[in-house]
Amino acid sequence: MLRNENLFKQFIKKMIPELERDEVIIGLLAARKKYAPEISRSAEIVDKIIVKRKEDVFRKFRRFMRVEKGDYIDFKTGNPIPVDAMVCYIDLNPRSSMRALNLFQKEMNDWVIEAALSEFDLSHFRKLDTKVFSALARRVSRRMYFLVDIDDQNPERYLDMLPKPLWITQTRGGFHLIYPSHREIKAEIFNAVSEHDLEVEVQRDTQTPVPGSLQGGVEVKRFEYG
């Protein structure tokens, strides 16, 4: 799935922060029905990745994206998920392992109590890896960035009216503008959106397709402007 390794390296160098203390970077592989109609669900996470050091991000994500047809199965139909149905996301804001551990322990204690007091389906305990990842996804350590999502193939009109972002990713269906998480920049964006009636989505979450990878069979690129 990774077509342009140099672009991904540039993205890591510029946008991935140095990880501190208990921090990790997370990513995931997803299959989406809008990329391949034969997929039974609208969207499904098929795999997950946790990286502990910035210097490991490229190597581990490159290995993570070595996907072939048949590696993942649509569990509802039993059919292989085509690679062209997939996208690899990376989340730019680091997660806190300690805060995630506290959440994970609480949820596991709740399961144990429920299992002792009722007819609890013990097969839930097979999903520990999913629960750990879910806890990490919900426990941001530092909010360093936010995204503006433009669902339009002609972004110039928007870019002329918005502050200059740190990075612009051209996705399969539009553009992700990545900004530092500063209150003044957010205020400027919201003012521009209101004044010019811009149809954009400001996203607190920073999950974005990996630059240089394939998103639904289309290469994710960097967009240079200004």
Protein backbone atom coordinates (compact mmCIF):
# COMPACT_ATOMS: atom_id res chain seq x y z
CA MET A 1 0.00 0.00 0.00
CA LEU A 2 2.96 2.36 0.44
CA ARG A 3 3.87 3.80 -2.96
CA ASN A 4 5.97 6.88 -2.11
CA GLU A 5 8.37 6.15 0.74
CA ASN A 6 10.17 9.49 0.48
CA LEU A 7 6.94 11.43 0.94
CA PHE A 8 6.06 9.42 4.04
CA LYS A 9 9.54 10.11 5.44
CA GLN A 10 9.07 13.85 4.81
CA PHE A 11 5.72 13.73 6.59
CA ILE A 12 7.19 11.94 9.60
CA LYS A 13 10.09 14.37 9.87
CA LYS A 14 7.84 17.44 9.70
CA MET A 15 4.65 16.34 11.46
CA ILE A 16 5.30 13.48 13.90
CA PRO A 17 6.44 14.84 17.29
CA GLU A 18 9.19 13.37 19.40
CA LEU A 19 7.48 11.07 21.87
CA GLU A 20 7.88 11.77 25.58
CA ARG A 21 7.57 9.64 28.71
CA ASP A 22 4.69 7.19 28.18
CA GLU A 23 3.57 8.45 24.76
CA VAL A 24 2.85 6.35 21.67
CA ILE A 25 1.61 6.97 18.12
CA ILE A 26 -1.30 4.88 16.87
CA GLY A 27 -2.55 3.93 13.43
CA LEU A 28 -5.03 1.59 11.82
CA LEU A 29 -6.01 -0.18 8.63
CA ALA A 30 -9.64 0.22 7.63
CA ALA A 31 -11.81 -1.20 4.85
CA ARG A 32 -14.55 1.05 3.48
CA LYS A 33 -17.58 0.15 1.42
CA LYS A 34 -17.41 3.38 -0.58
CA TYR A 35 -14.07 2.19 -1.99
CA ALA A 36 -15.35 -1.31 -2.81
CA PRO A 37 -19.13 -2.03 -2.91
CA GLU A 38 -18.61 -5.71 -2.19
CA ILE A 39 -17.60 -4.92 1.41
CA SER A 40 -20.51 -5.81 3.71
CA ARG A 41 -20.10 -2.96 6.21
CA SER A 42 -19.71 0.76 5.56
CA ALA A 43 -16.40 0.83 7.45
CA GLU A 44 -14.43 -1.73 9.43
CA ILE A 45 -11.11 -1.58 11.26
CA VAL A 46 -9.14 -4.64 10.15
CA ASP A 47 -5.83 -4.05 11.96
CA LYS A 48 -4.12 -1.70 14.42
CA ILE A 49 -0.59 -0.50 15.16
CA ILE A 50 1.11 1.12 18.16
CA VAL A 51 4.55 2.72 17.80
CA LYS A 52 6.69 3.73 20.77
CA ARG A 53 9.41 5.87 19.12
CA LYS A 54 9.38 8.44 16.32
CA GLU A 55 12.40 6.80 14.68
CA ASP A 56 10.39 3.55 14.34
CA VAL A 57 7.33 5.07 12.68
CA PHE A 58 8.49 4.68 9.07
CA ARG A 59 9.81 1.13 9.44
CA LYS A 60 6.83 -0.18 11.37
CA PHE A 61 4.16 1.50 9.26
CA ARG A 62 5.87 0.33 6.05
CA ARG A 63 5.69 -3.26 7.30
CA PHE A 64 2.12 -2.68 8.52
CA MET A 65 1.07 -1.60 5.02
CA ARG A 66 2.47 -4.67 3.24
CA VAL A 67 -0.99 -6.02 2.49
CA GLU A 68 -2.05 -8.58 -0.09
CA LYS A 69 -5.47 -9.85 -1.09
CA GLY A 70 -6.54 -12.55 1.34
CA ASP A 71 -4.68 -11.11 4.34
CA TYR A 72 -7.98 -9.83 5.75
CA ILE A 73 -11.44 -11.39 5.55
CA ASP A 74 -14.89 -9.84 5.54
CA PHE A 75 -16.25 -11.78 8.52
CA LYS A 76 -19.87 -11.36 7.43
CA THR A 77 -19.35 -12.84 3.97
CA GLY A 78 -16.13 -14.82 4.41
CA ASN A 79 -14.67 -13.21 1.30
CA PRO A 80 -11.20 -11.67 1.10
CA ILE A 81 -11.15 -7.88 1.45
CA PRO A 82 -9.57 -6.34 -1.67
CA VAL A 83 -6.56 -4.11 -1.07
CA ASP A 84 -8.28 -1.37 -3.07
CA ALA A 85 -10.93 -1.22 -0.33
CA MET A 86 -8.37 -0.23 2.31
CA VAL A 87 -6.84 2.89 3.79
CA CYS A 88 -4.09 3.29 6.37
CA TYR A 89 -4.59 6.09 8.90
CA ILE A 90 -2.04 7.60 11.25
CA ASP A 91 -3.03 9.76 14.23
CA LEU A 92 -0.75 12.73 14.79
CA ASN A 93 -1.58 13.49 18.42
CA PRO A 94 0.39 11.25 20.82
CA ARG A 95 -1.49 8.95 23.21
CA SER A 96 -0.74 8.43 26.90
CA SER A 97 -0.08 4.80 27.83
CA MET A 98 -0.53 5.46 31.56
CA ARG A 99 -3.90 7.17 31.13
CA ALA A 100 -4.98 4.41 28.76
CA LEU A 101 -3.91 1.77 31.30
CA ASN A 102 -6.08 3.36 33.98
CA LEU A 103 -9.07 3.32 31.64
CA PHE A 104 -8.36 -0.26 30.52
CA GLN A 105 -8.10 -1.49 34.12
CA LYS A 106 -11.41 0.14 35.04
CA GLU A 107 -13.19 -1.42 32.09
CA MET A 108 -11.68 -4.85 32.80
CA ASN A 109 -12.74 -4.62 36.45
CA ASP A 110 -16.27 -3.82 35.28
CA TRP A 111 -16.21 -6.91 33.05
CA VAL A 112 -14.97 -9.13 35.89
CA ILE A 113 -17.71 -7.88 38.21
CA GLU A 114 -20.34 -8.34 35.51
CA ALA A 115 -19.09 -11.87 34.80
CA ALA A 116 -19.37 -12.75 38.49
CA LEU A 117 -22.89 -11.38 38.90
CA SER A 118 -24.57 -12.27 35.61
CA GLU A 119 -24.45 -14.44 32.51
CA PHE A 120 -21.64 -12.46 30.95
CA ASP A 121 -20.26 -13.68 27.62
CA LEU A 122 -16.68 -14.61 28.54
CA SER A 123 -15.65 -14.51 24.88
CA HIS A 124 -15.43 -10.73 25.34
CA PHE A 125 -12.13 -11.32 27.12
CA ARG A 126 -10.65 -12.49 23.81
CA LYS A 127 -10.84 -8.87 22.66
CA LEU A 128 -8.22 -7.53 25.06
CA ASP A 129 -6.07 -6.17 22.24
CA THR A 130 -9.05 -4.23 20.89
CA LYS A 131 -9.84 -2.85 24.34
CA VAL A 132 -6.23 -1.72 24.87
CA PHE A 133 -6.20 0.06 21.51
CA SER A 134 -9.59 1.63 22.22
CA ALA A 135 -8.30 2.96 25.54
CA LEU A 136 -5.25 4.47 23.83
CA ALA A 137 -7.42 6.08 21.16
CA ARG A 138 -9.45 7.82 23.88
CA ARG A 139 -6.53 9.07 25.95
CA VAL A 140 -4.65 11.84 24.12
CA SER A 141 -1.44 12.95 25.81
CA ARG A 142 -0.87 16.23 23.92
CA ARG A 143 -3.19 17.88 21.42
CA MET A 144 -0.58 19.23 19.05
CA TYR A 145 -2.64 19.49 15.87
CA PHE A 146 -6.14 19.71 14.46
CA LEU A 147 -7.49 19.14 10.95
CA VAL A 148 -9.63 21.00 8.48
CA ASP A 149 -11.30 18.57 6.08
CA ILE A 150 -12.21 19.95 2.64
CA ASP A 151 -14.49 17.64 0.67
CA ASP A 152 -13.79 19.29 -2.66
CA GLN A 153 -11.29 18.64 -5.46
CA ASN A 154 -10.70 22.39 -5.96
CA PRO A 155 -9.27 23.72 -2.69
CA GLU A 156 -7.86 27.05 -3.92
CA ARG A 157 -10.97 29.01 -2.93
CA TYR A 158 -10.71 27.72 0.62
CA LEU A 159 -6.96 28.11 0.93
CA ASP A 160 -7.13 31.77 -0.10
CA MET A 161 -9.40 32.47 2.88
CA LEU A 162 -7.88 30.25 5.56
CA PRO A 163 -4.59 30.54 7.48
CA LYS A 164 -1.66 28.73 5.91
CA PRO A 165 -1.48 25.17 7.28
CA LEU A 166 1.63 23.26 8.29
CA TRP A 167 0.84 20.51 5.79
CA ILE A 168 -1.83 19.79 3.15
CA THR A 169 -2.64 16.19 2.31
CA GLN A 170 -4.55 15.46 -0.88
CA THR A 171 -6.78 12.54 0.02
CA ARG A 172 -8.92 10.37 -2.23
CA GLY A 173 -11.92 12.64 -1.85
CA GLY A 174 -10.53 16.03 -0.89
CA PHE A 175 -7.90 17.63 1.31
CA HIS A 176 -6.73 17.53 4.93
CA LEU A 177 -5.24 20.80 6.18
CA ILE A 178 -3.13 20.23 9.30
CA TYR A 179 -2.73 23.09 11.77
CA PRO A 180 -0.98 23.52 15.12
CA SER A 181 -3.47 23.40 17.96
CA HIS A 182 -3.44 27.12 18.77
CA ARG A 183 -6.57 28.92 19.94
CA GLU A 184 -5.86 31.97 17.77
CA ILE A 185 -5.61 29.86 14.59
CA LYS A 186 -8.86 28.05 15.39
CA ALA A 187 -10.62 31.38 15.95
CA GLU A 188 -9.32 32.71 12.63
CA ILE A 189 -10.57 29.59 10.84
CA PHE A 190 -14.02 29.71 12.42
CA ASN A 191 -14.31 33.40 11.53
CA ALA A 192 -13.38 32.68 7.91
CA VAL A 193 -15.81 29.76 7.71
CA SER A 194 -18.63 31.92 9.06
CA GLU A 195 -17.82 35.01 6.99
CA HIS A 196 -17.39 33.22 3.65
CA ASP A 197 -19.82 30.34 4.25
CA LEU A 198 -17.10 27.75 3.66
CA GLU A 199 -18.20 24.12 3.63
CA VAL A 200 -15.39 22.56 5.65
CA GLU A 201 -15.22 20.34 8.71
CA VAL A 202 -12.92 21.31 11.58
CA GLN A 203 -11.82 18.10 13.28
CA ARG A 204 -10.37 17.86 16.74
CA ASP A 205 -9.19 14.34 15.98
CA THR A 206 -6.06 14.05 13.83
CA GLN A 207 -6.57 10.73 12.09
CA THR A 208 -5.39 11.19 8.51
CA PRO A 209 -4.42 8.90 5.60
CA VAL A 210 -0.70 8.16 5.39
CA PRO A 211 0.89 10.36 2.69
CA GLY A 212 2.44 8.21 -0.01
CA SER A 213 0.06 5.32 0.64
CA LEU A 214 -2.96 4.08 -1.30
CA GLN A 215 -6.41 5.14 -0.09
CA GLY A 216 -9.04 3.10 -1.84
CA GLY A 217 -6.58 2.46 -4.67
CA VAL A 218 -5.67 6.17 -5.07
CA GLU A 219 -2.30 7.53 -3.95
CA VAL A 220 -2.38 10.03 -1.08
CA LYS A 221 -0.23 13.04 -2.00
CA ARG A 222 1.09 16.27 -0.58
CA PHE A 223 -0.52 19.40 -1.99
CA GLU A 224 1.74 22.43 -2.34
CA TYR A 225 0.10 25.84 -2.37
CA GLY A 226 1.31 29.41 -1.98
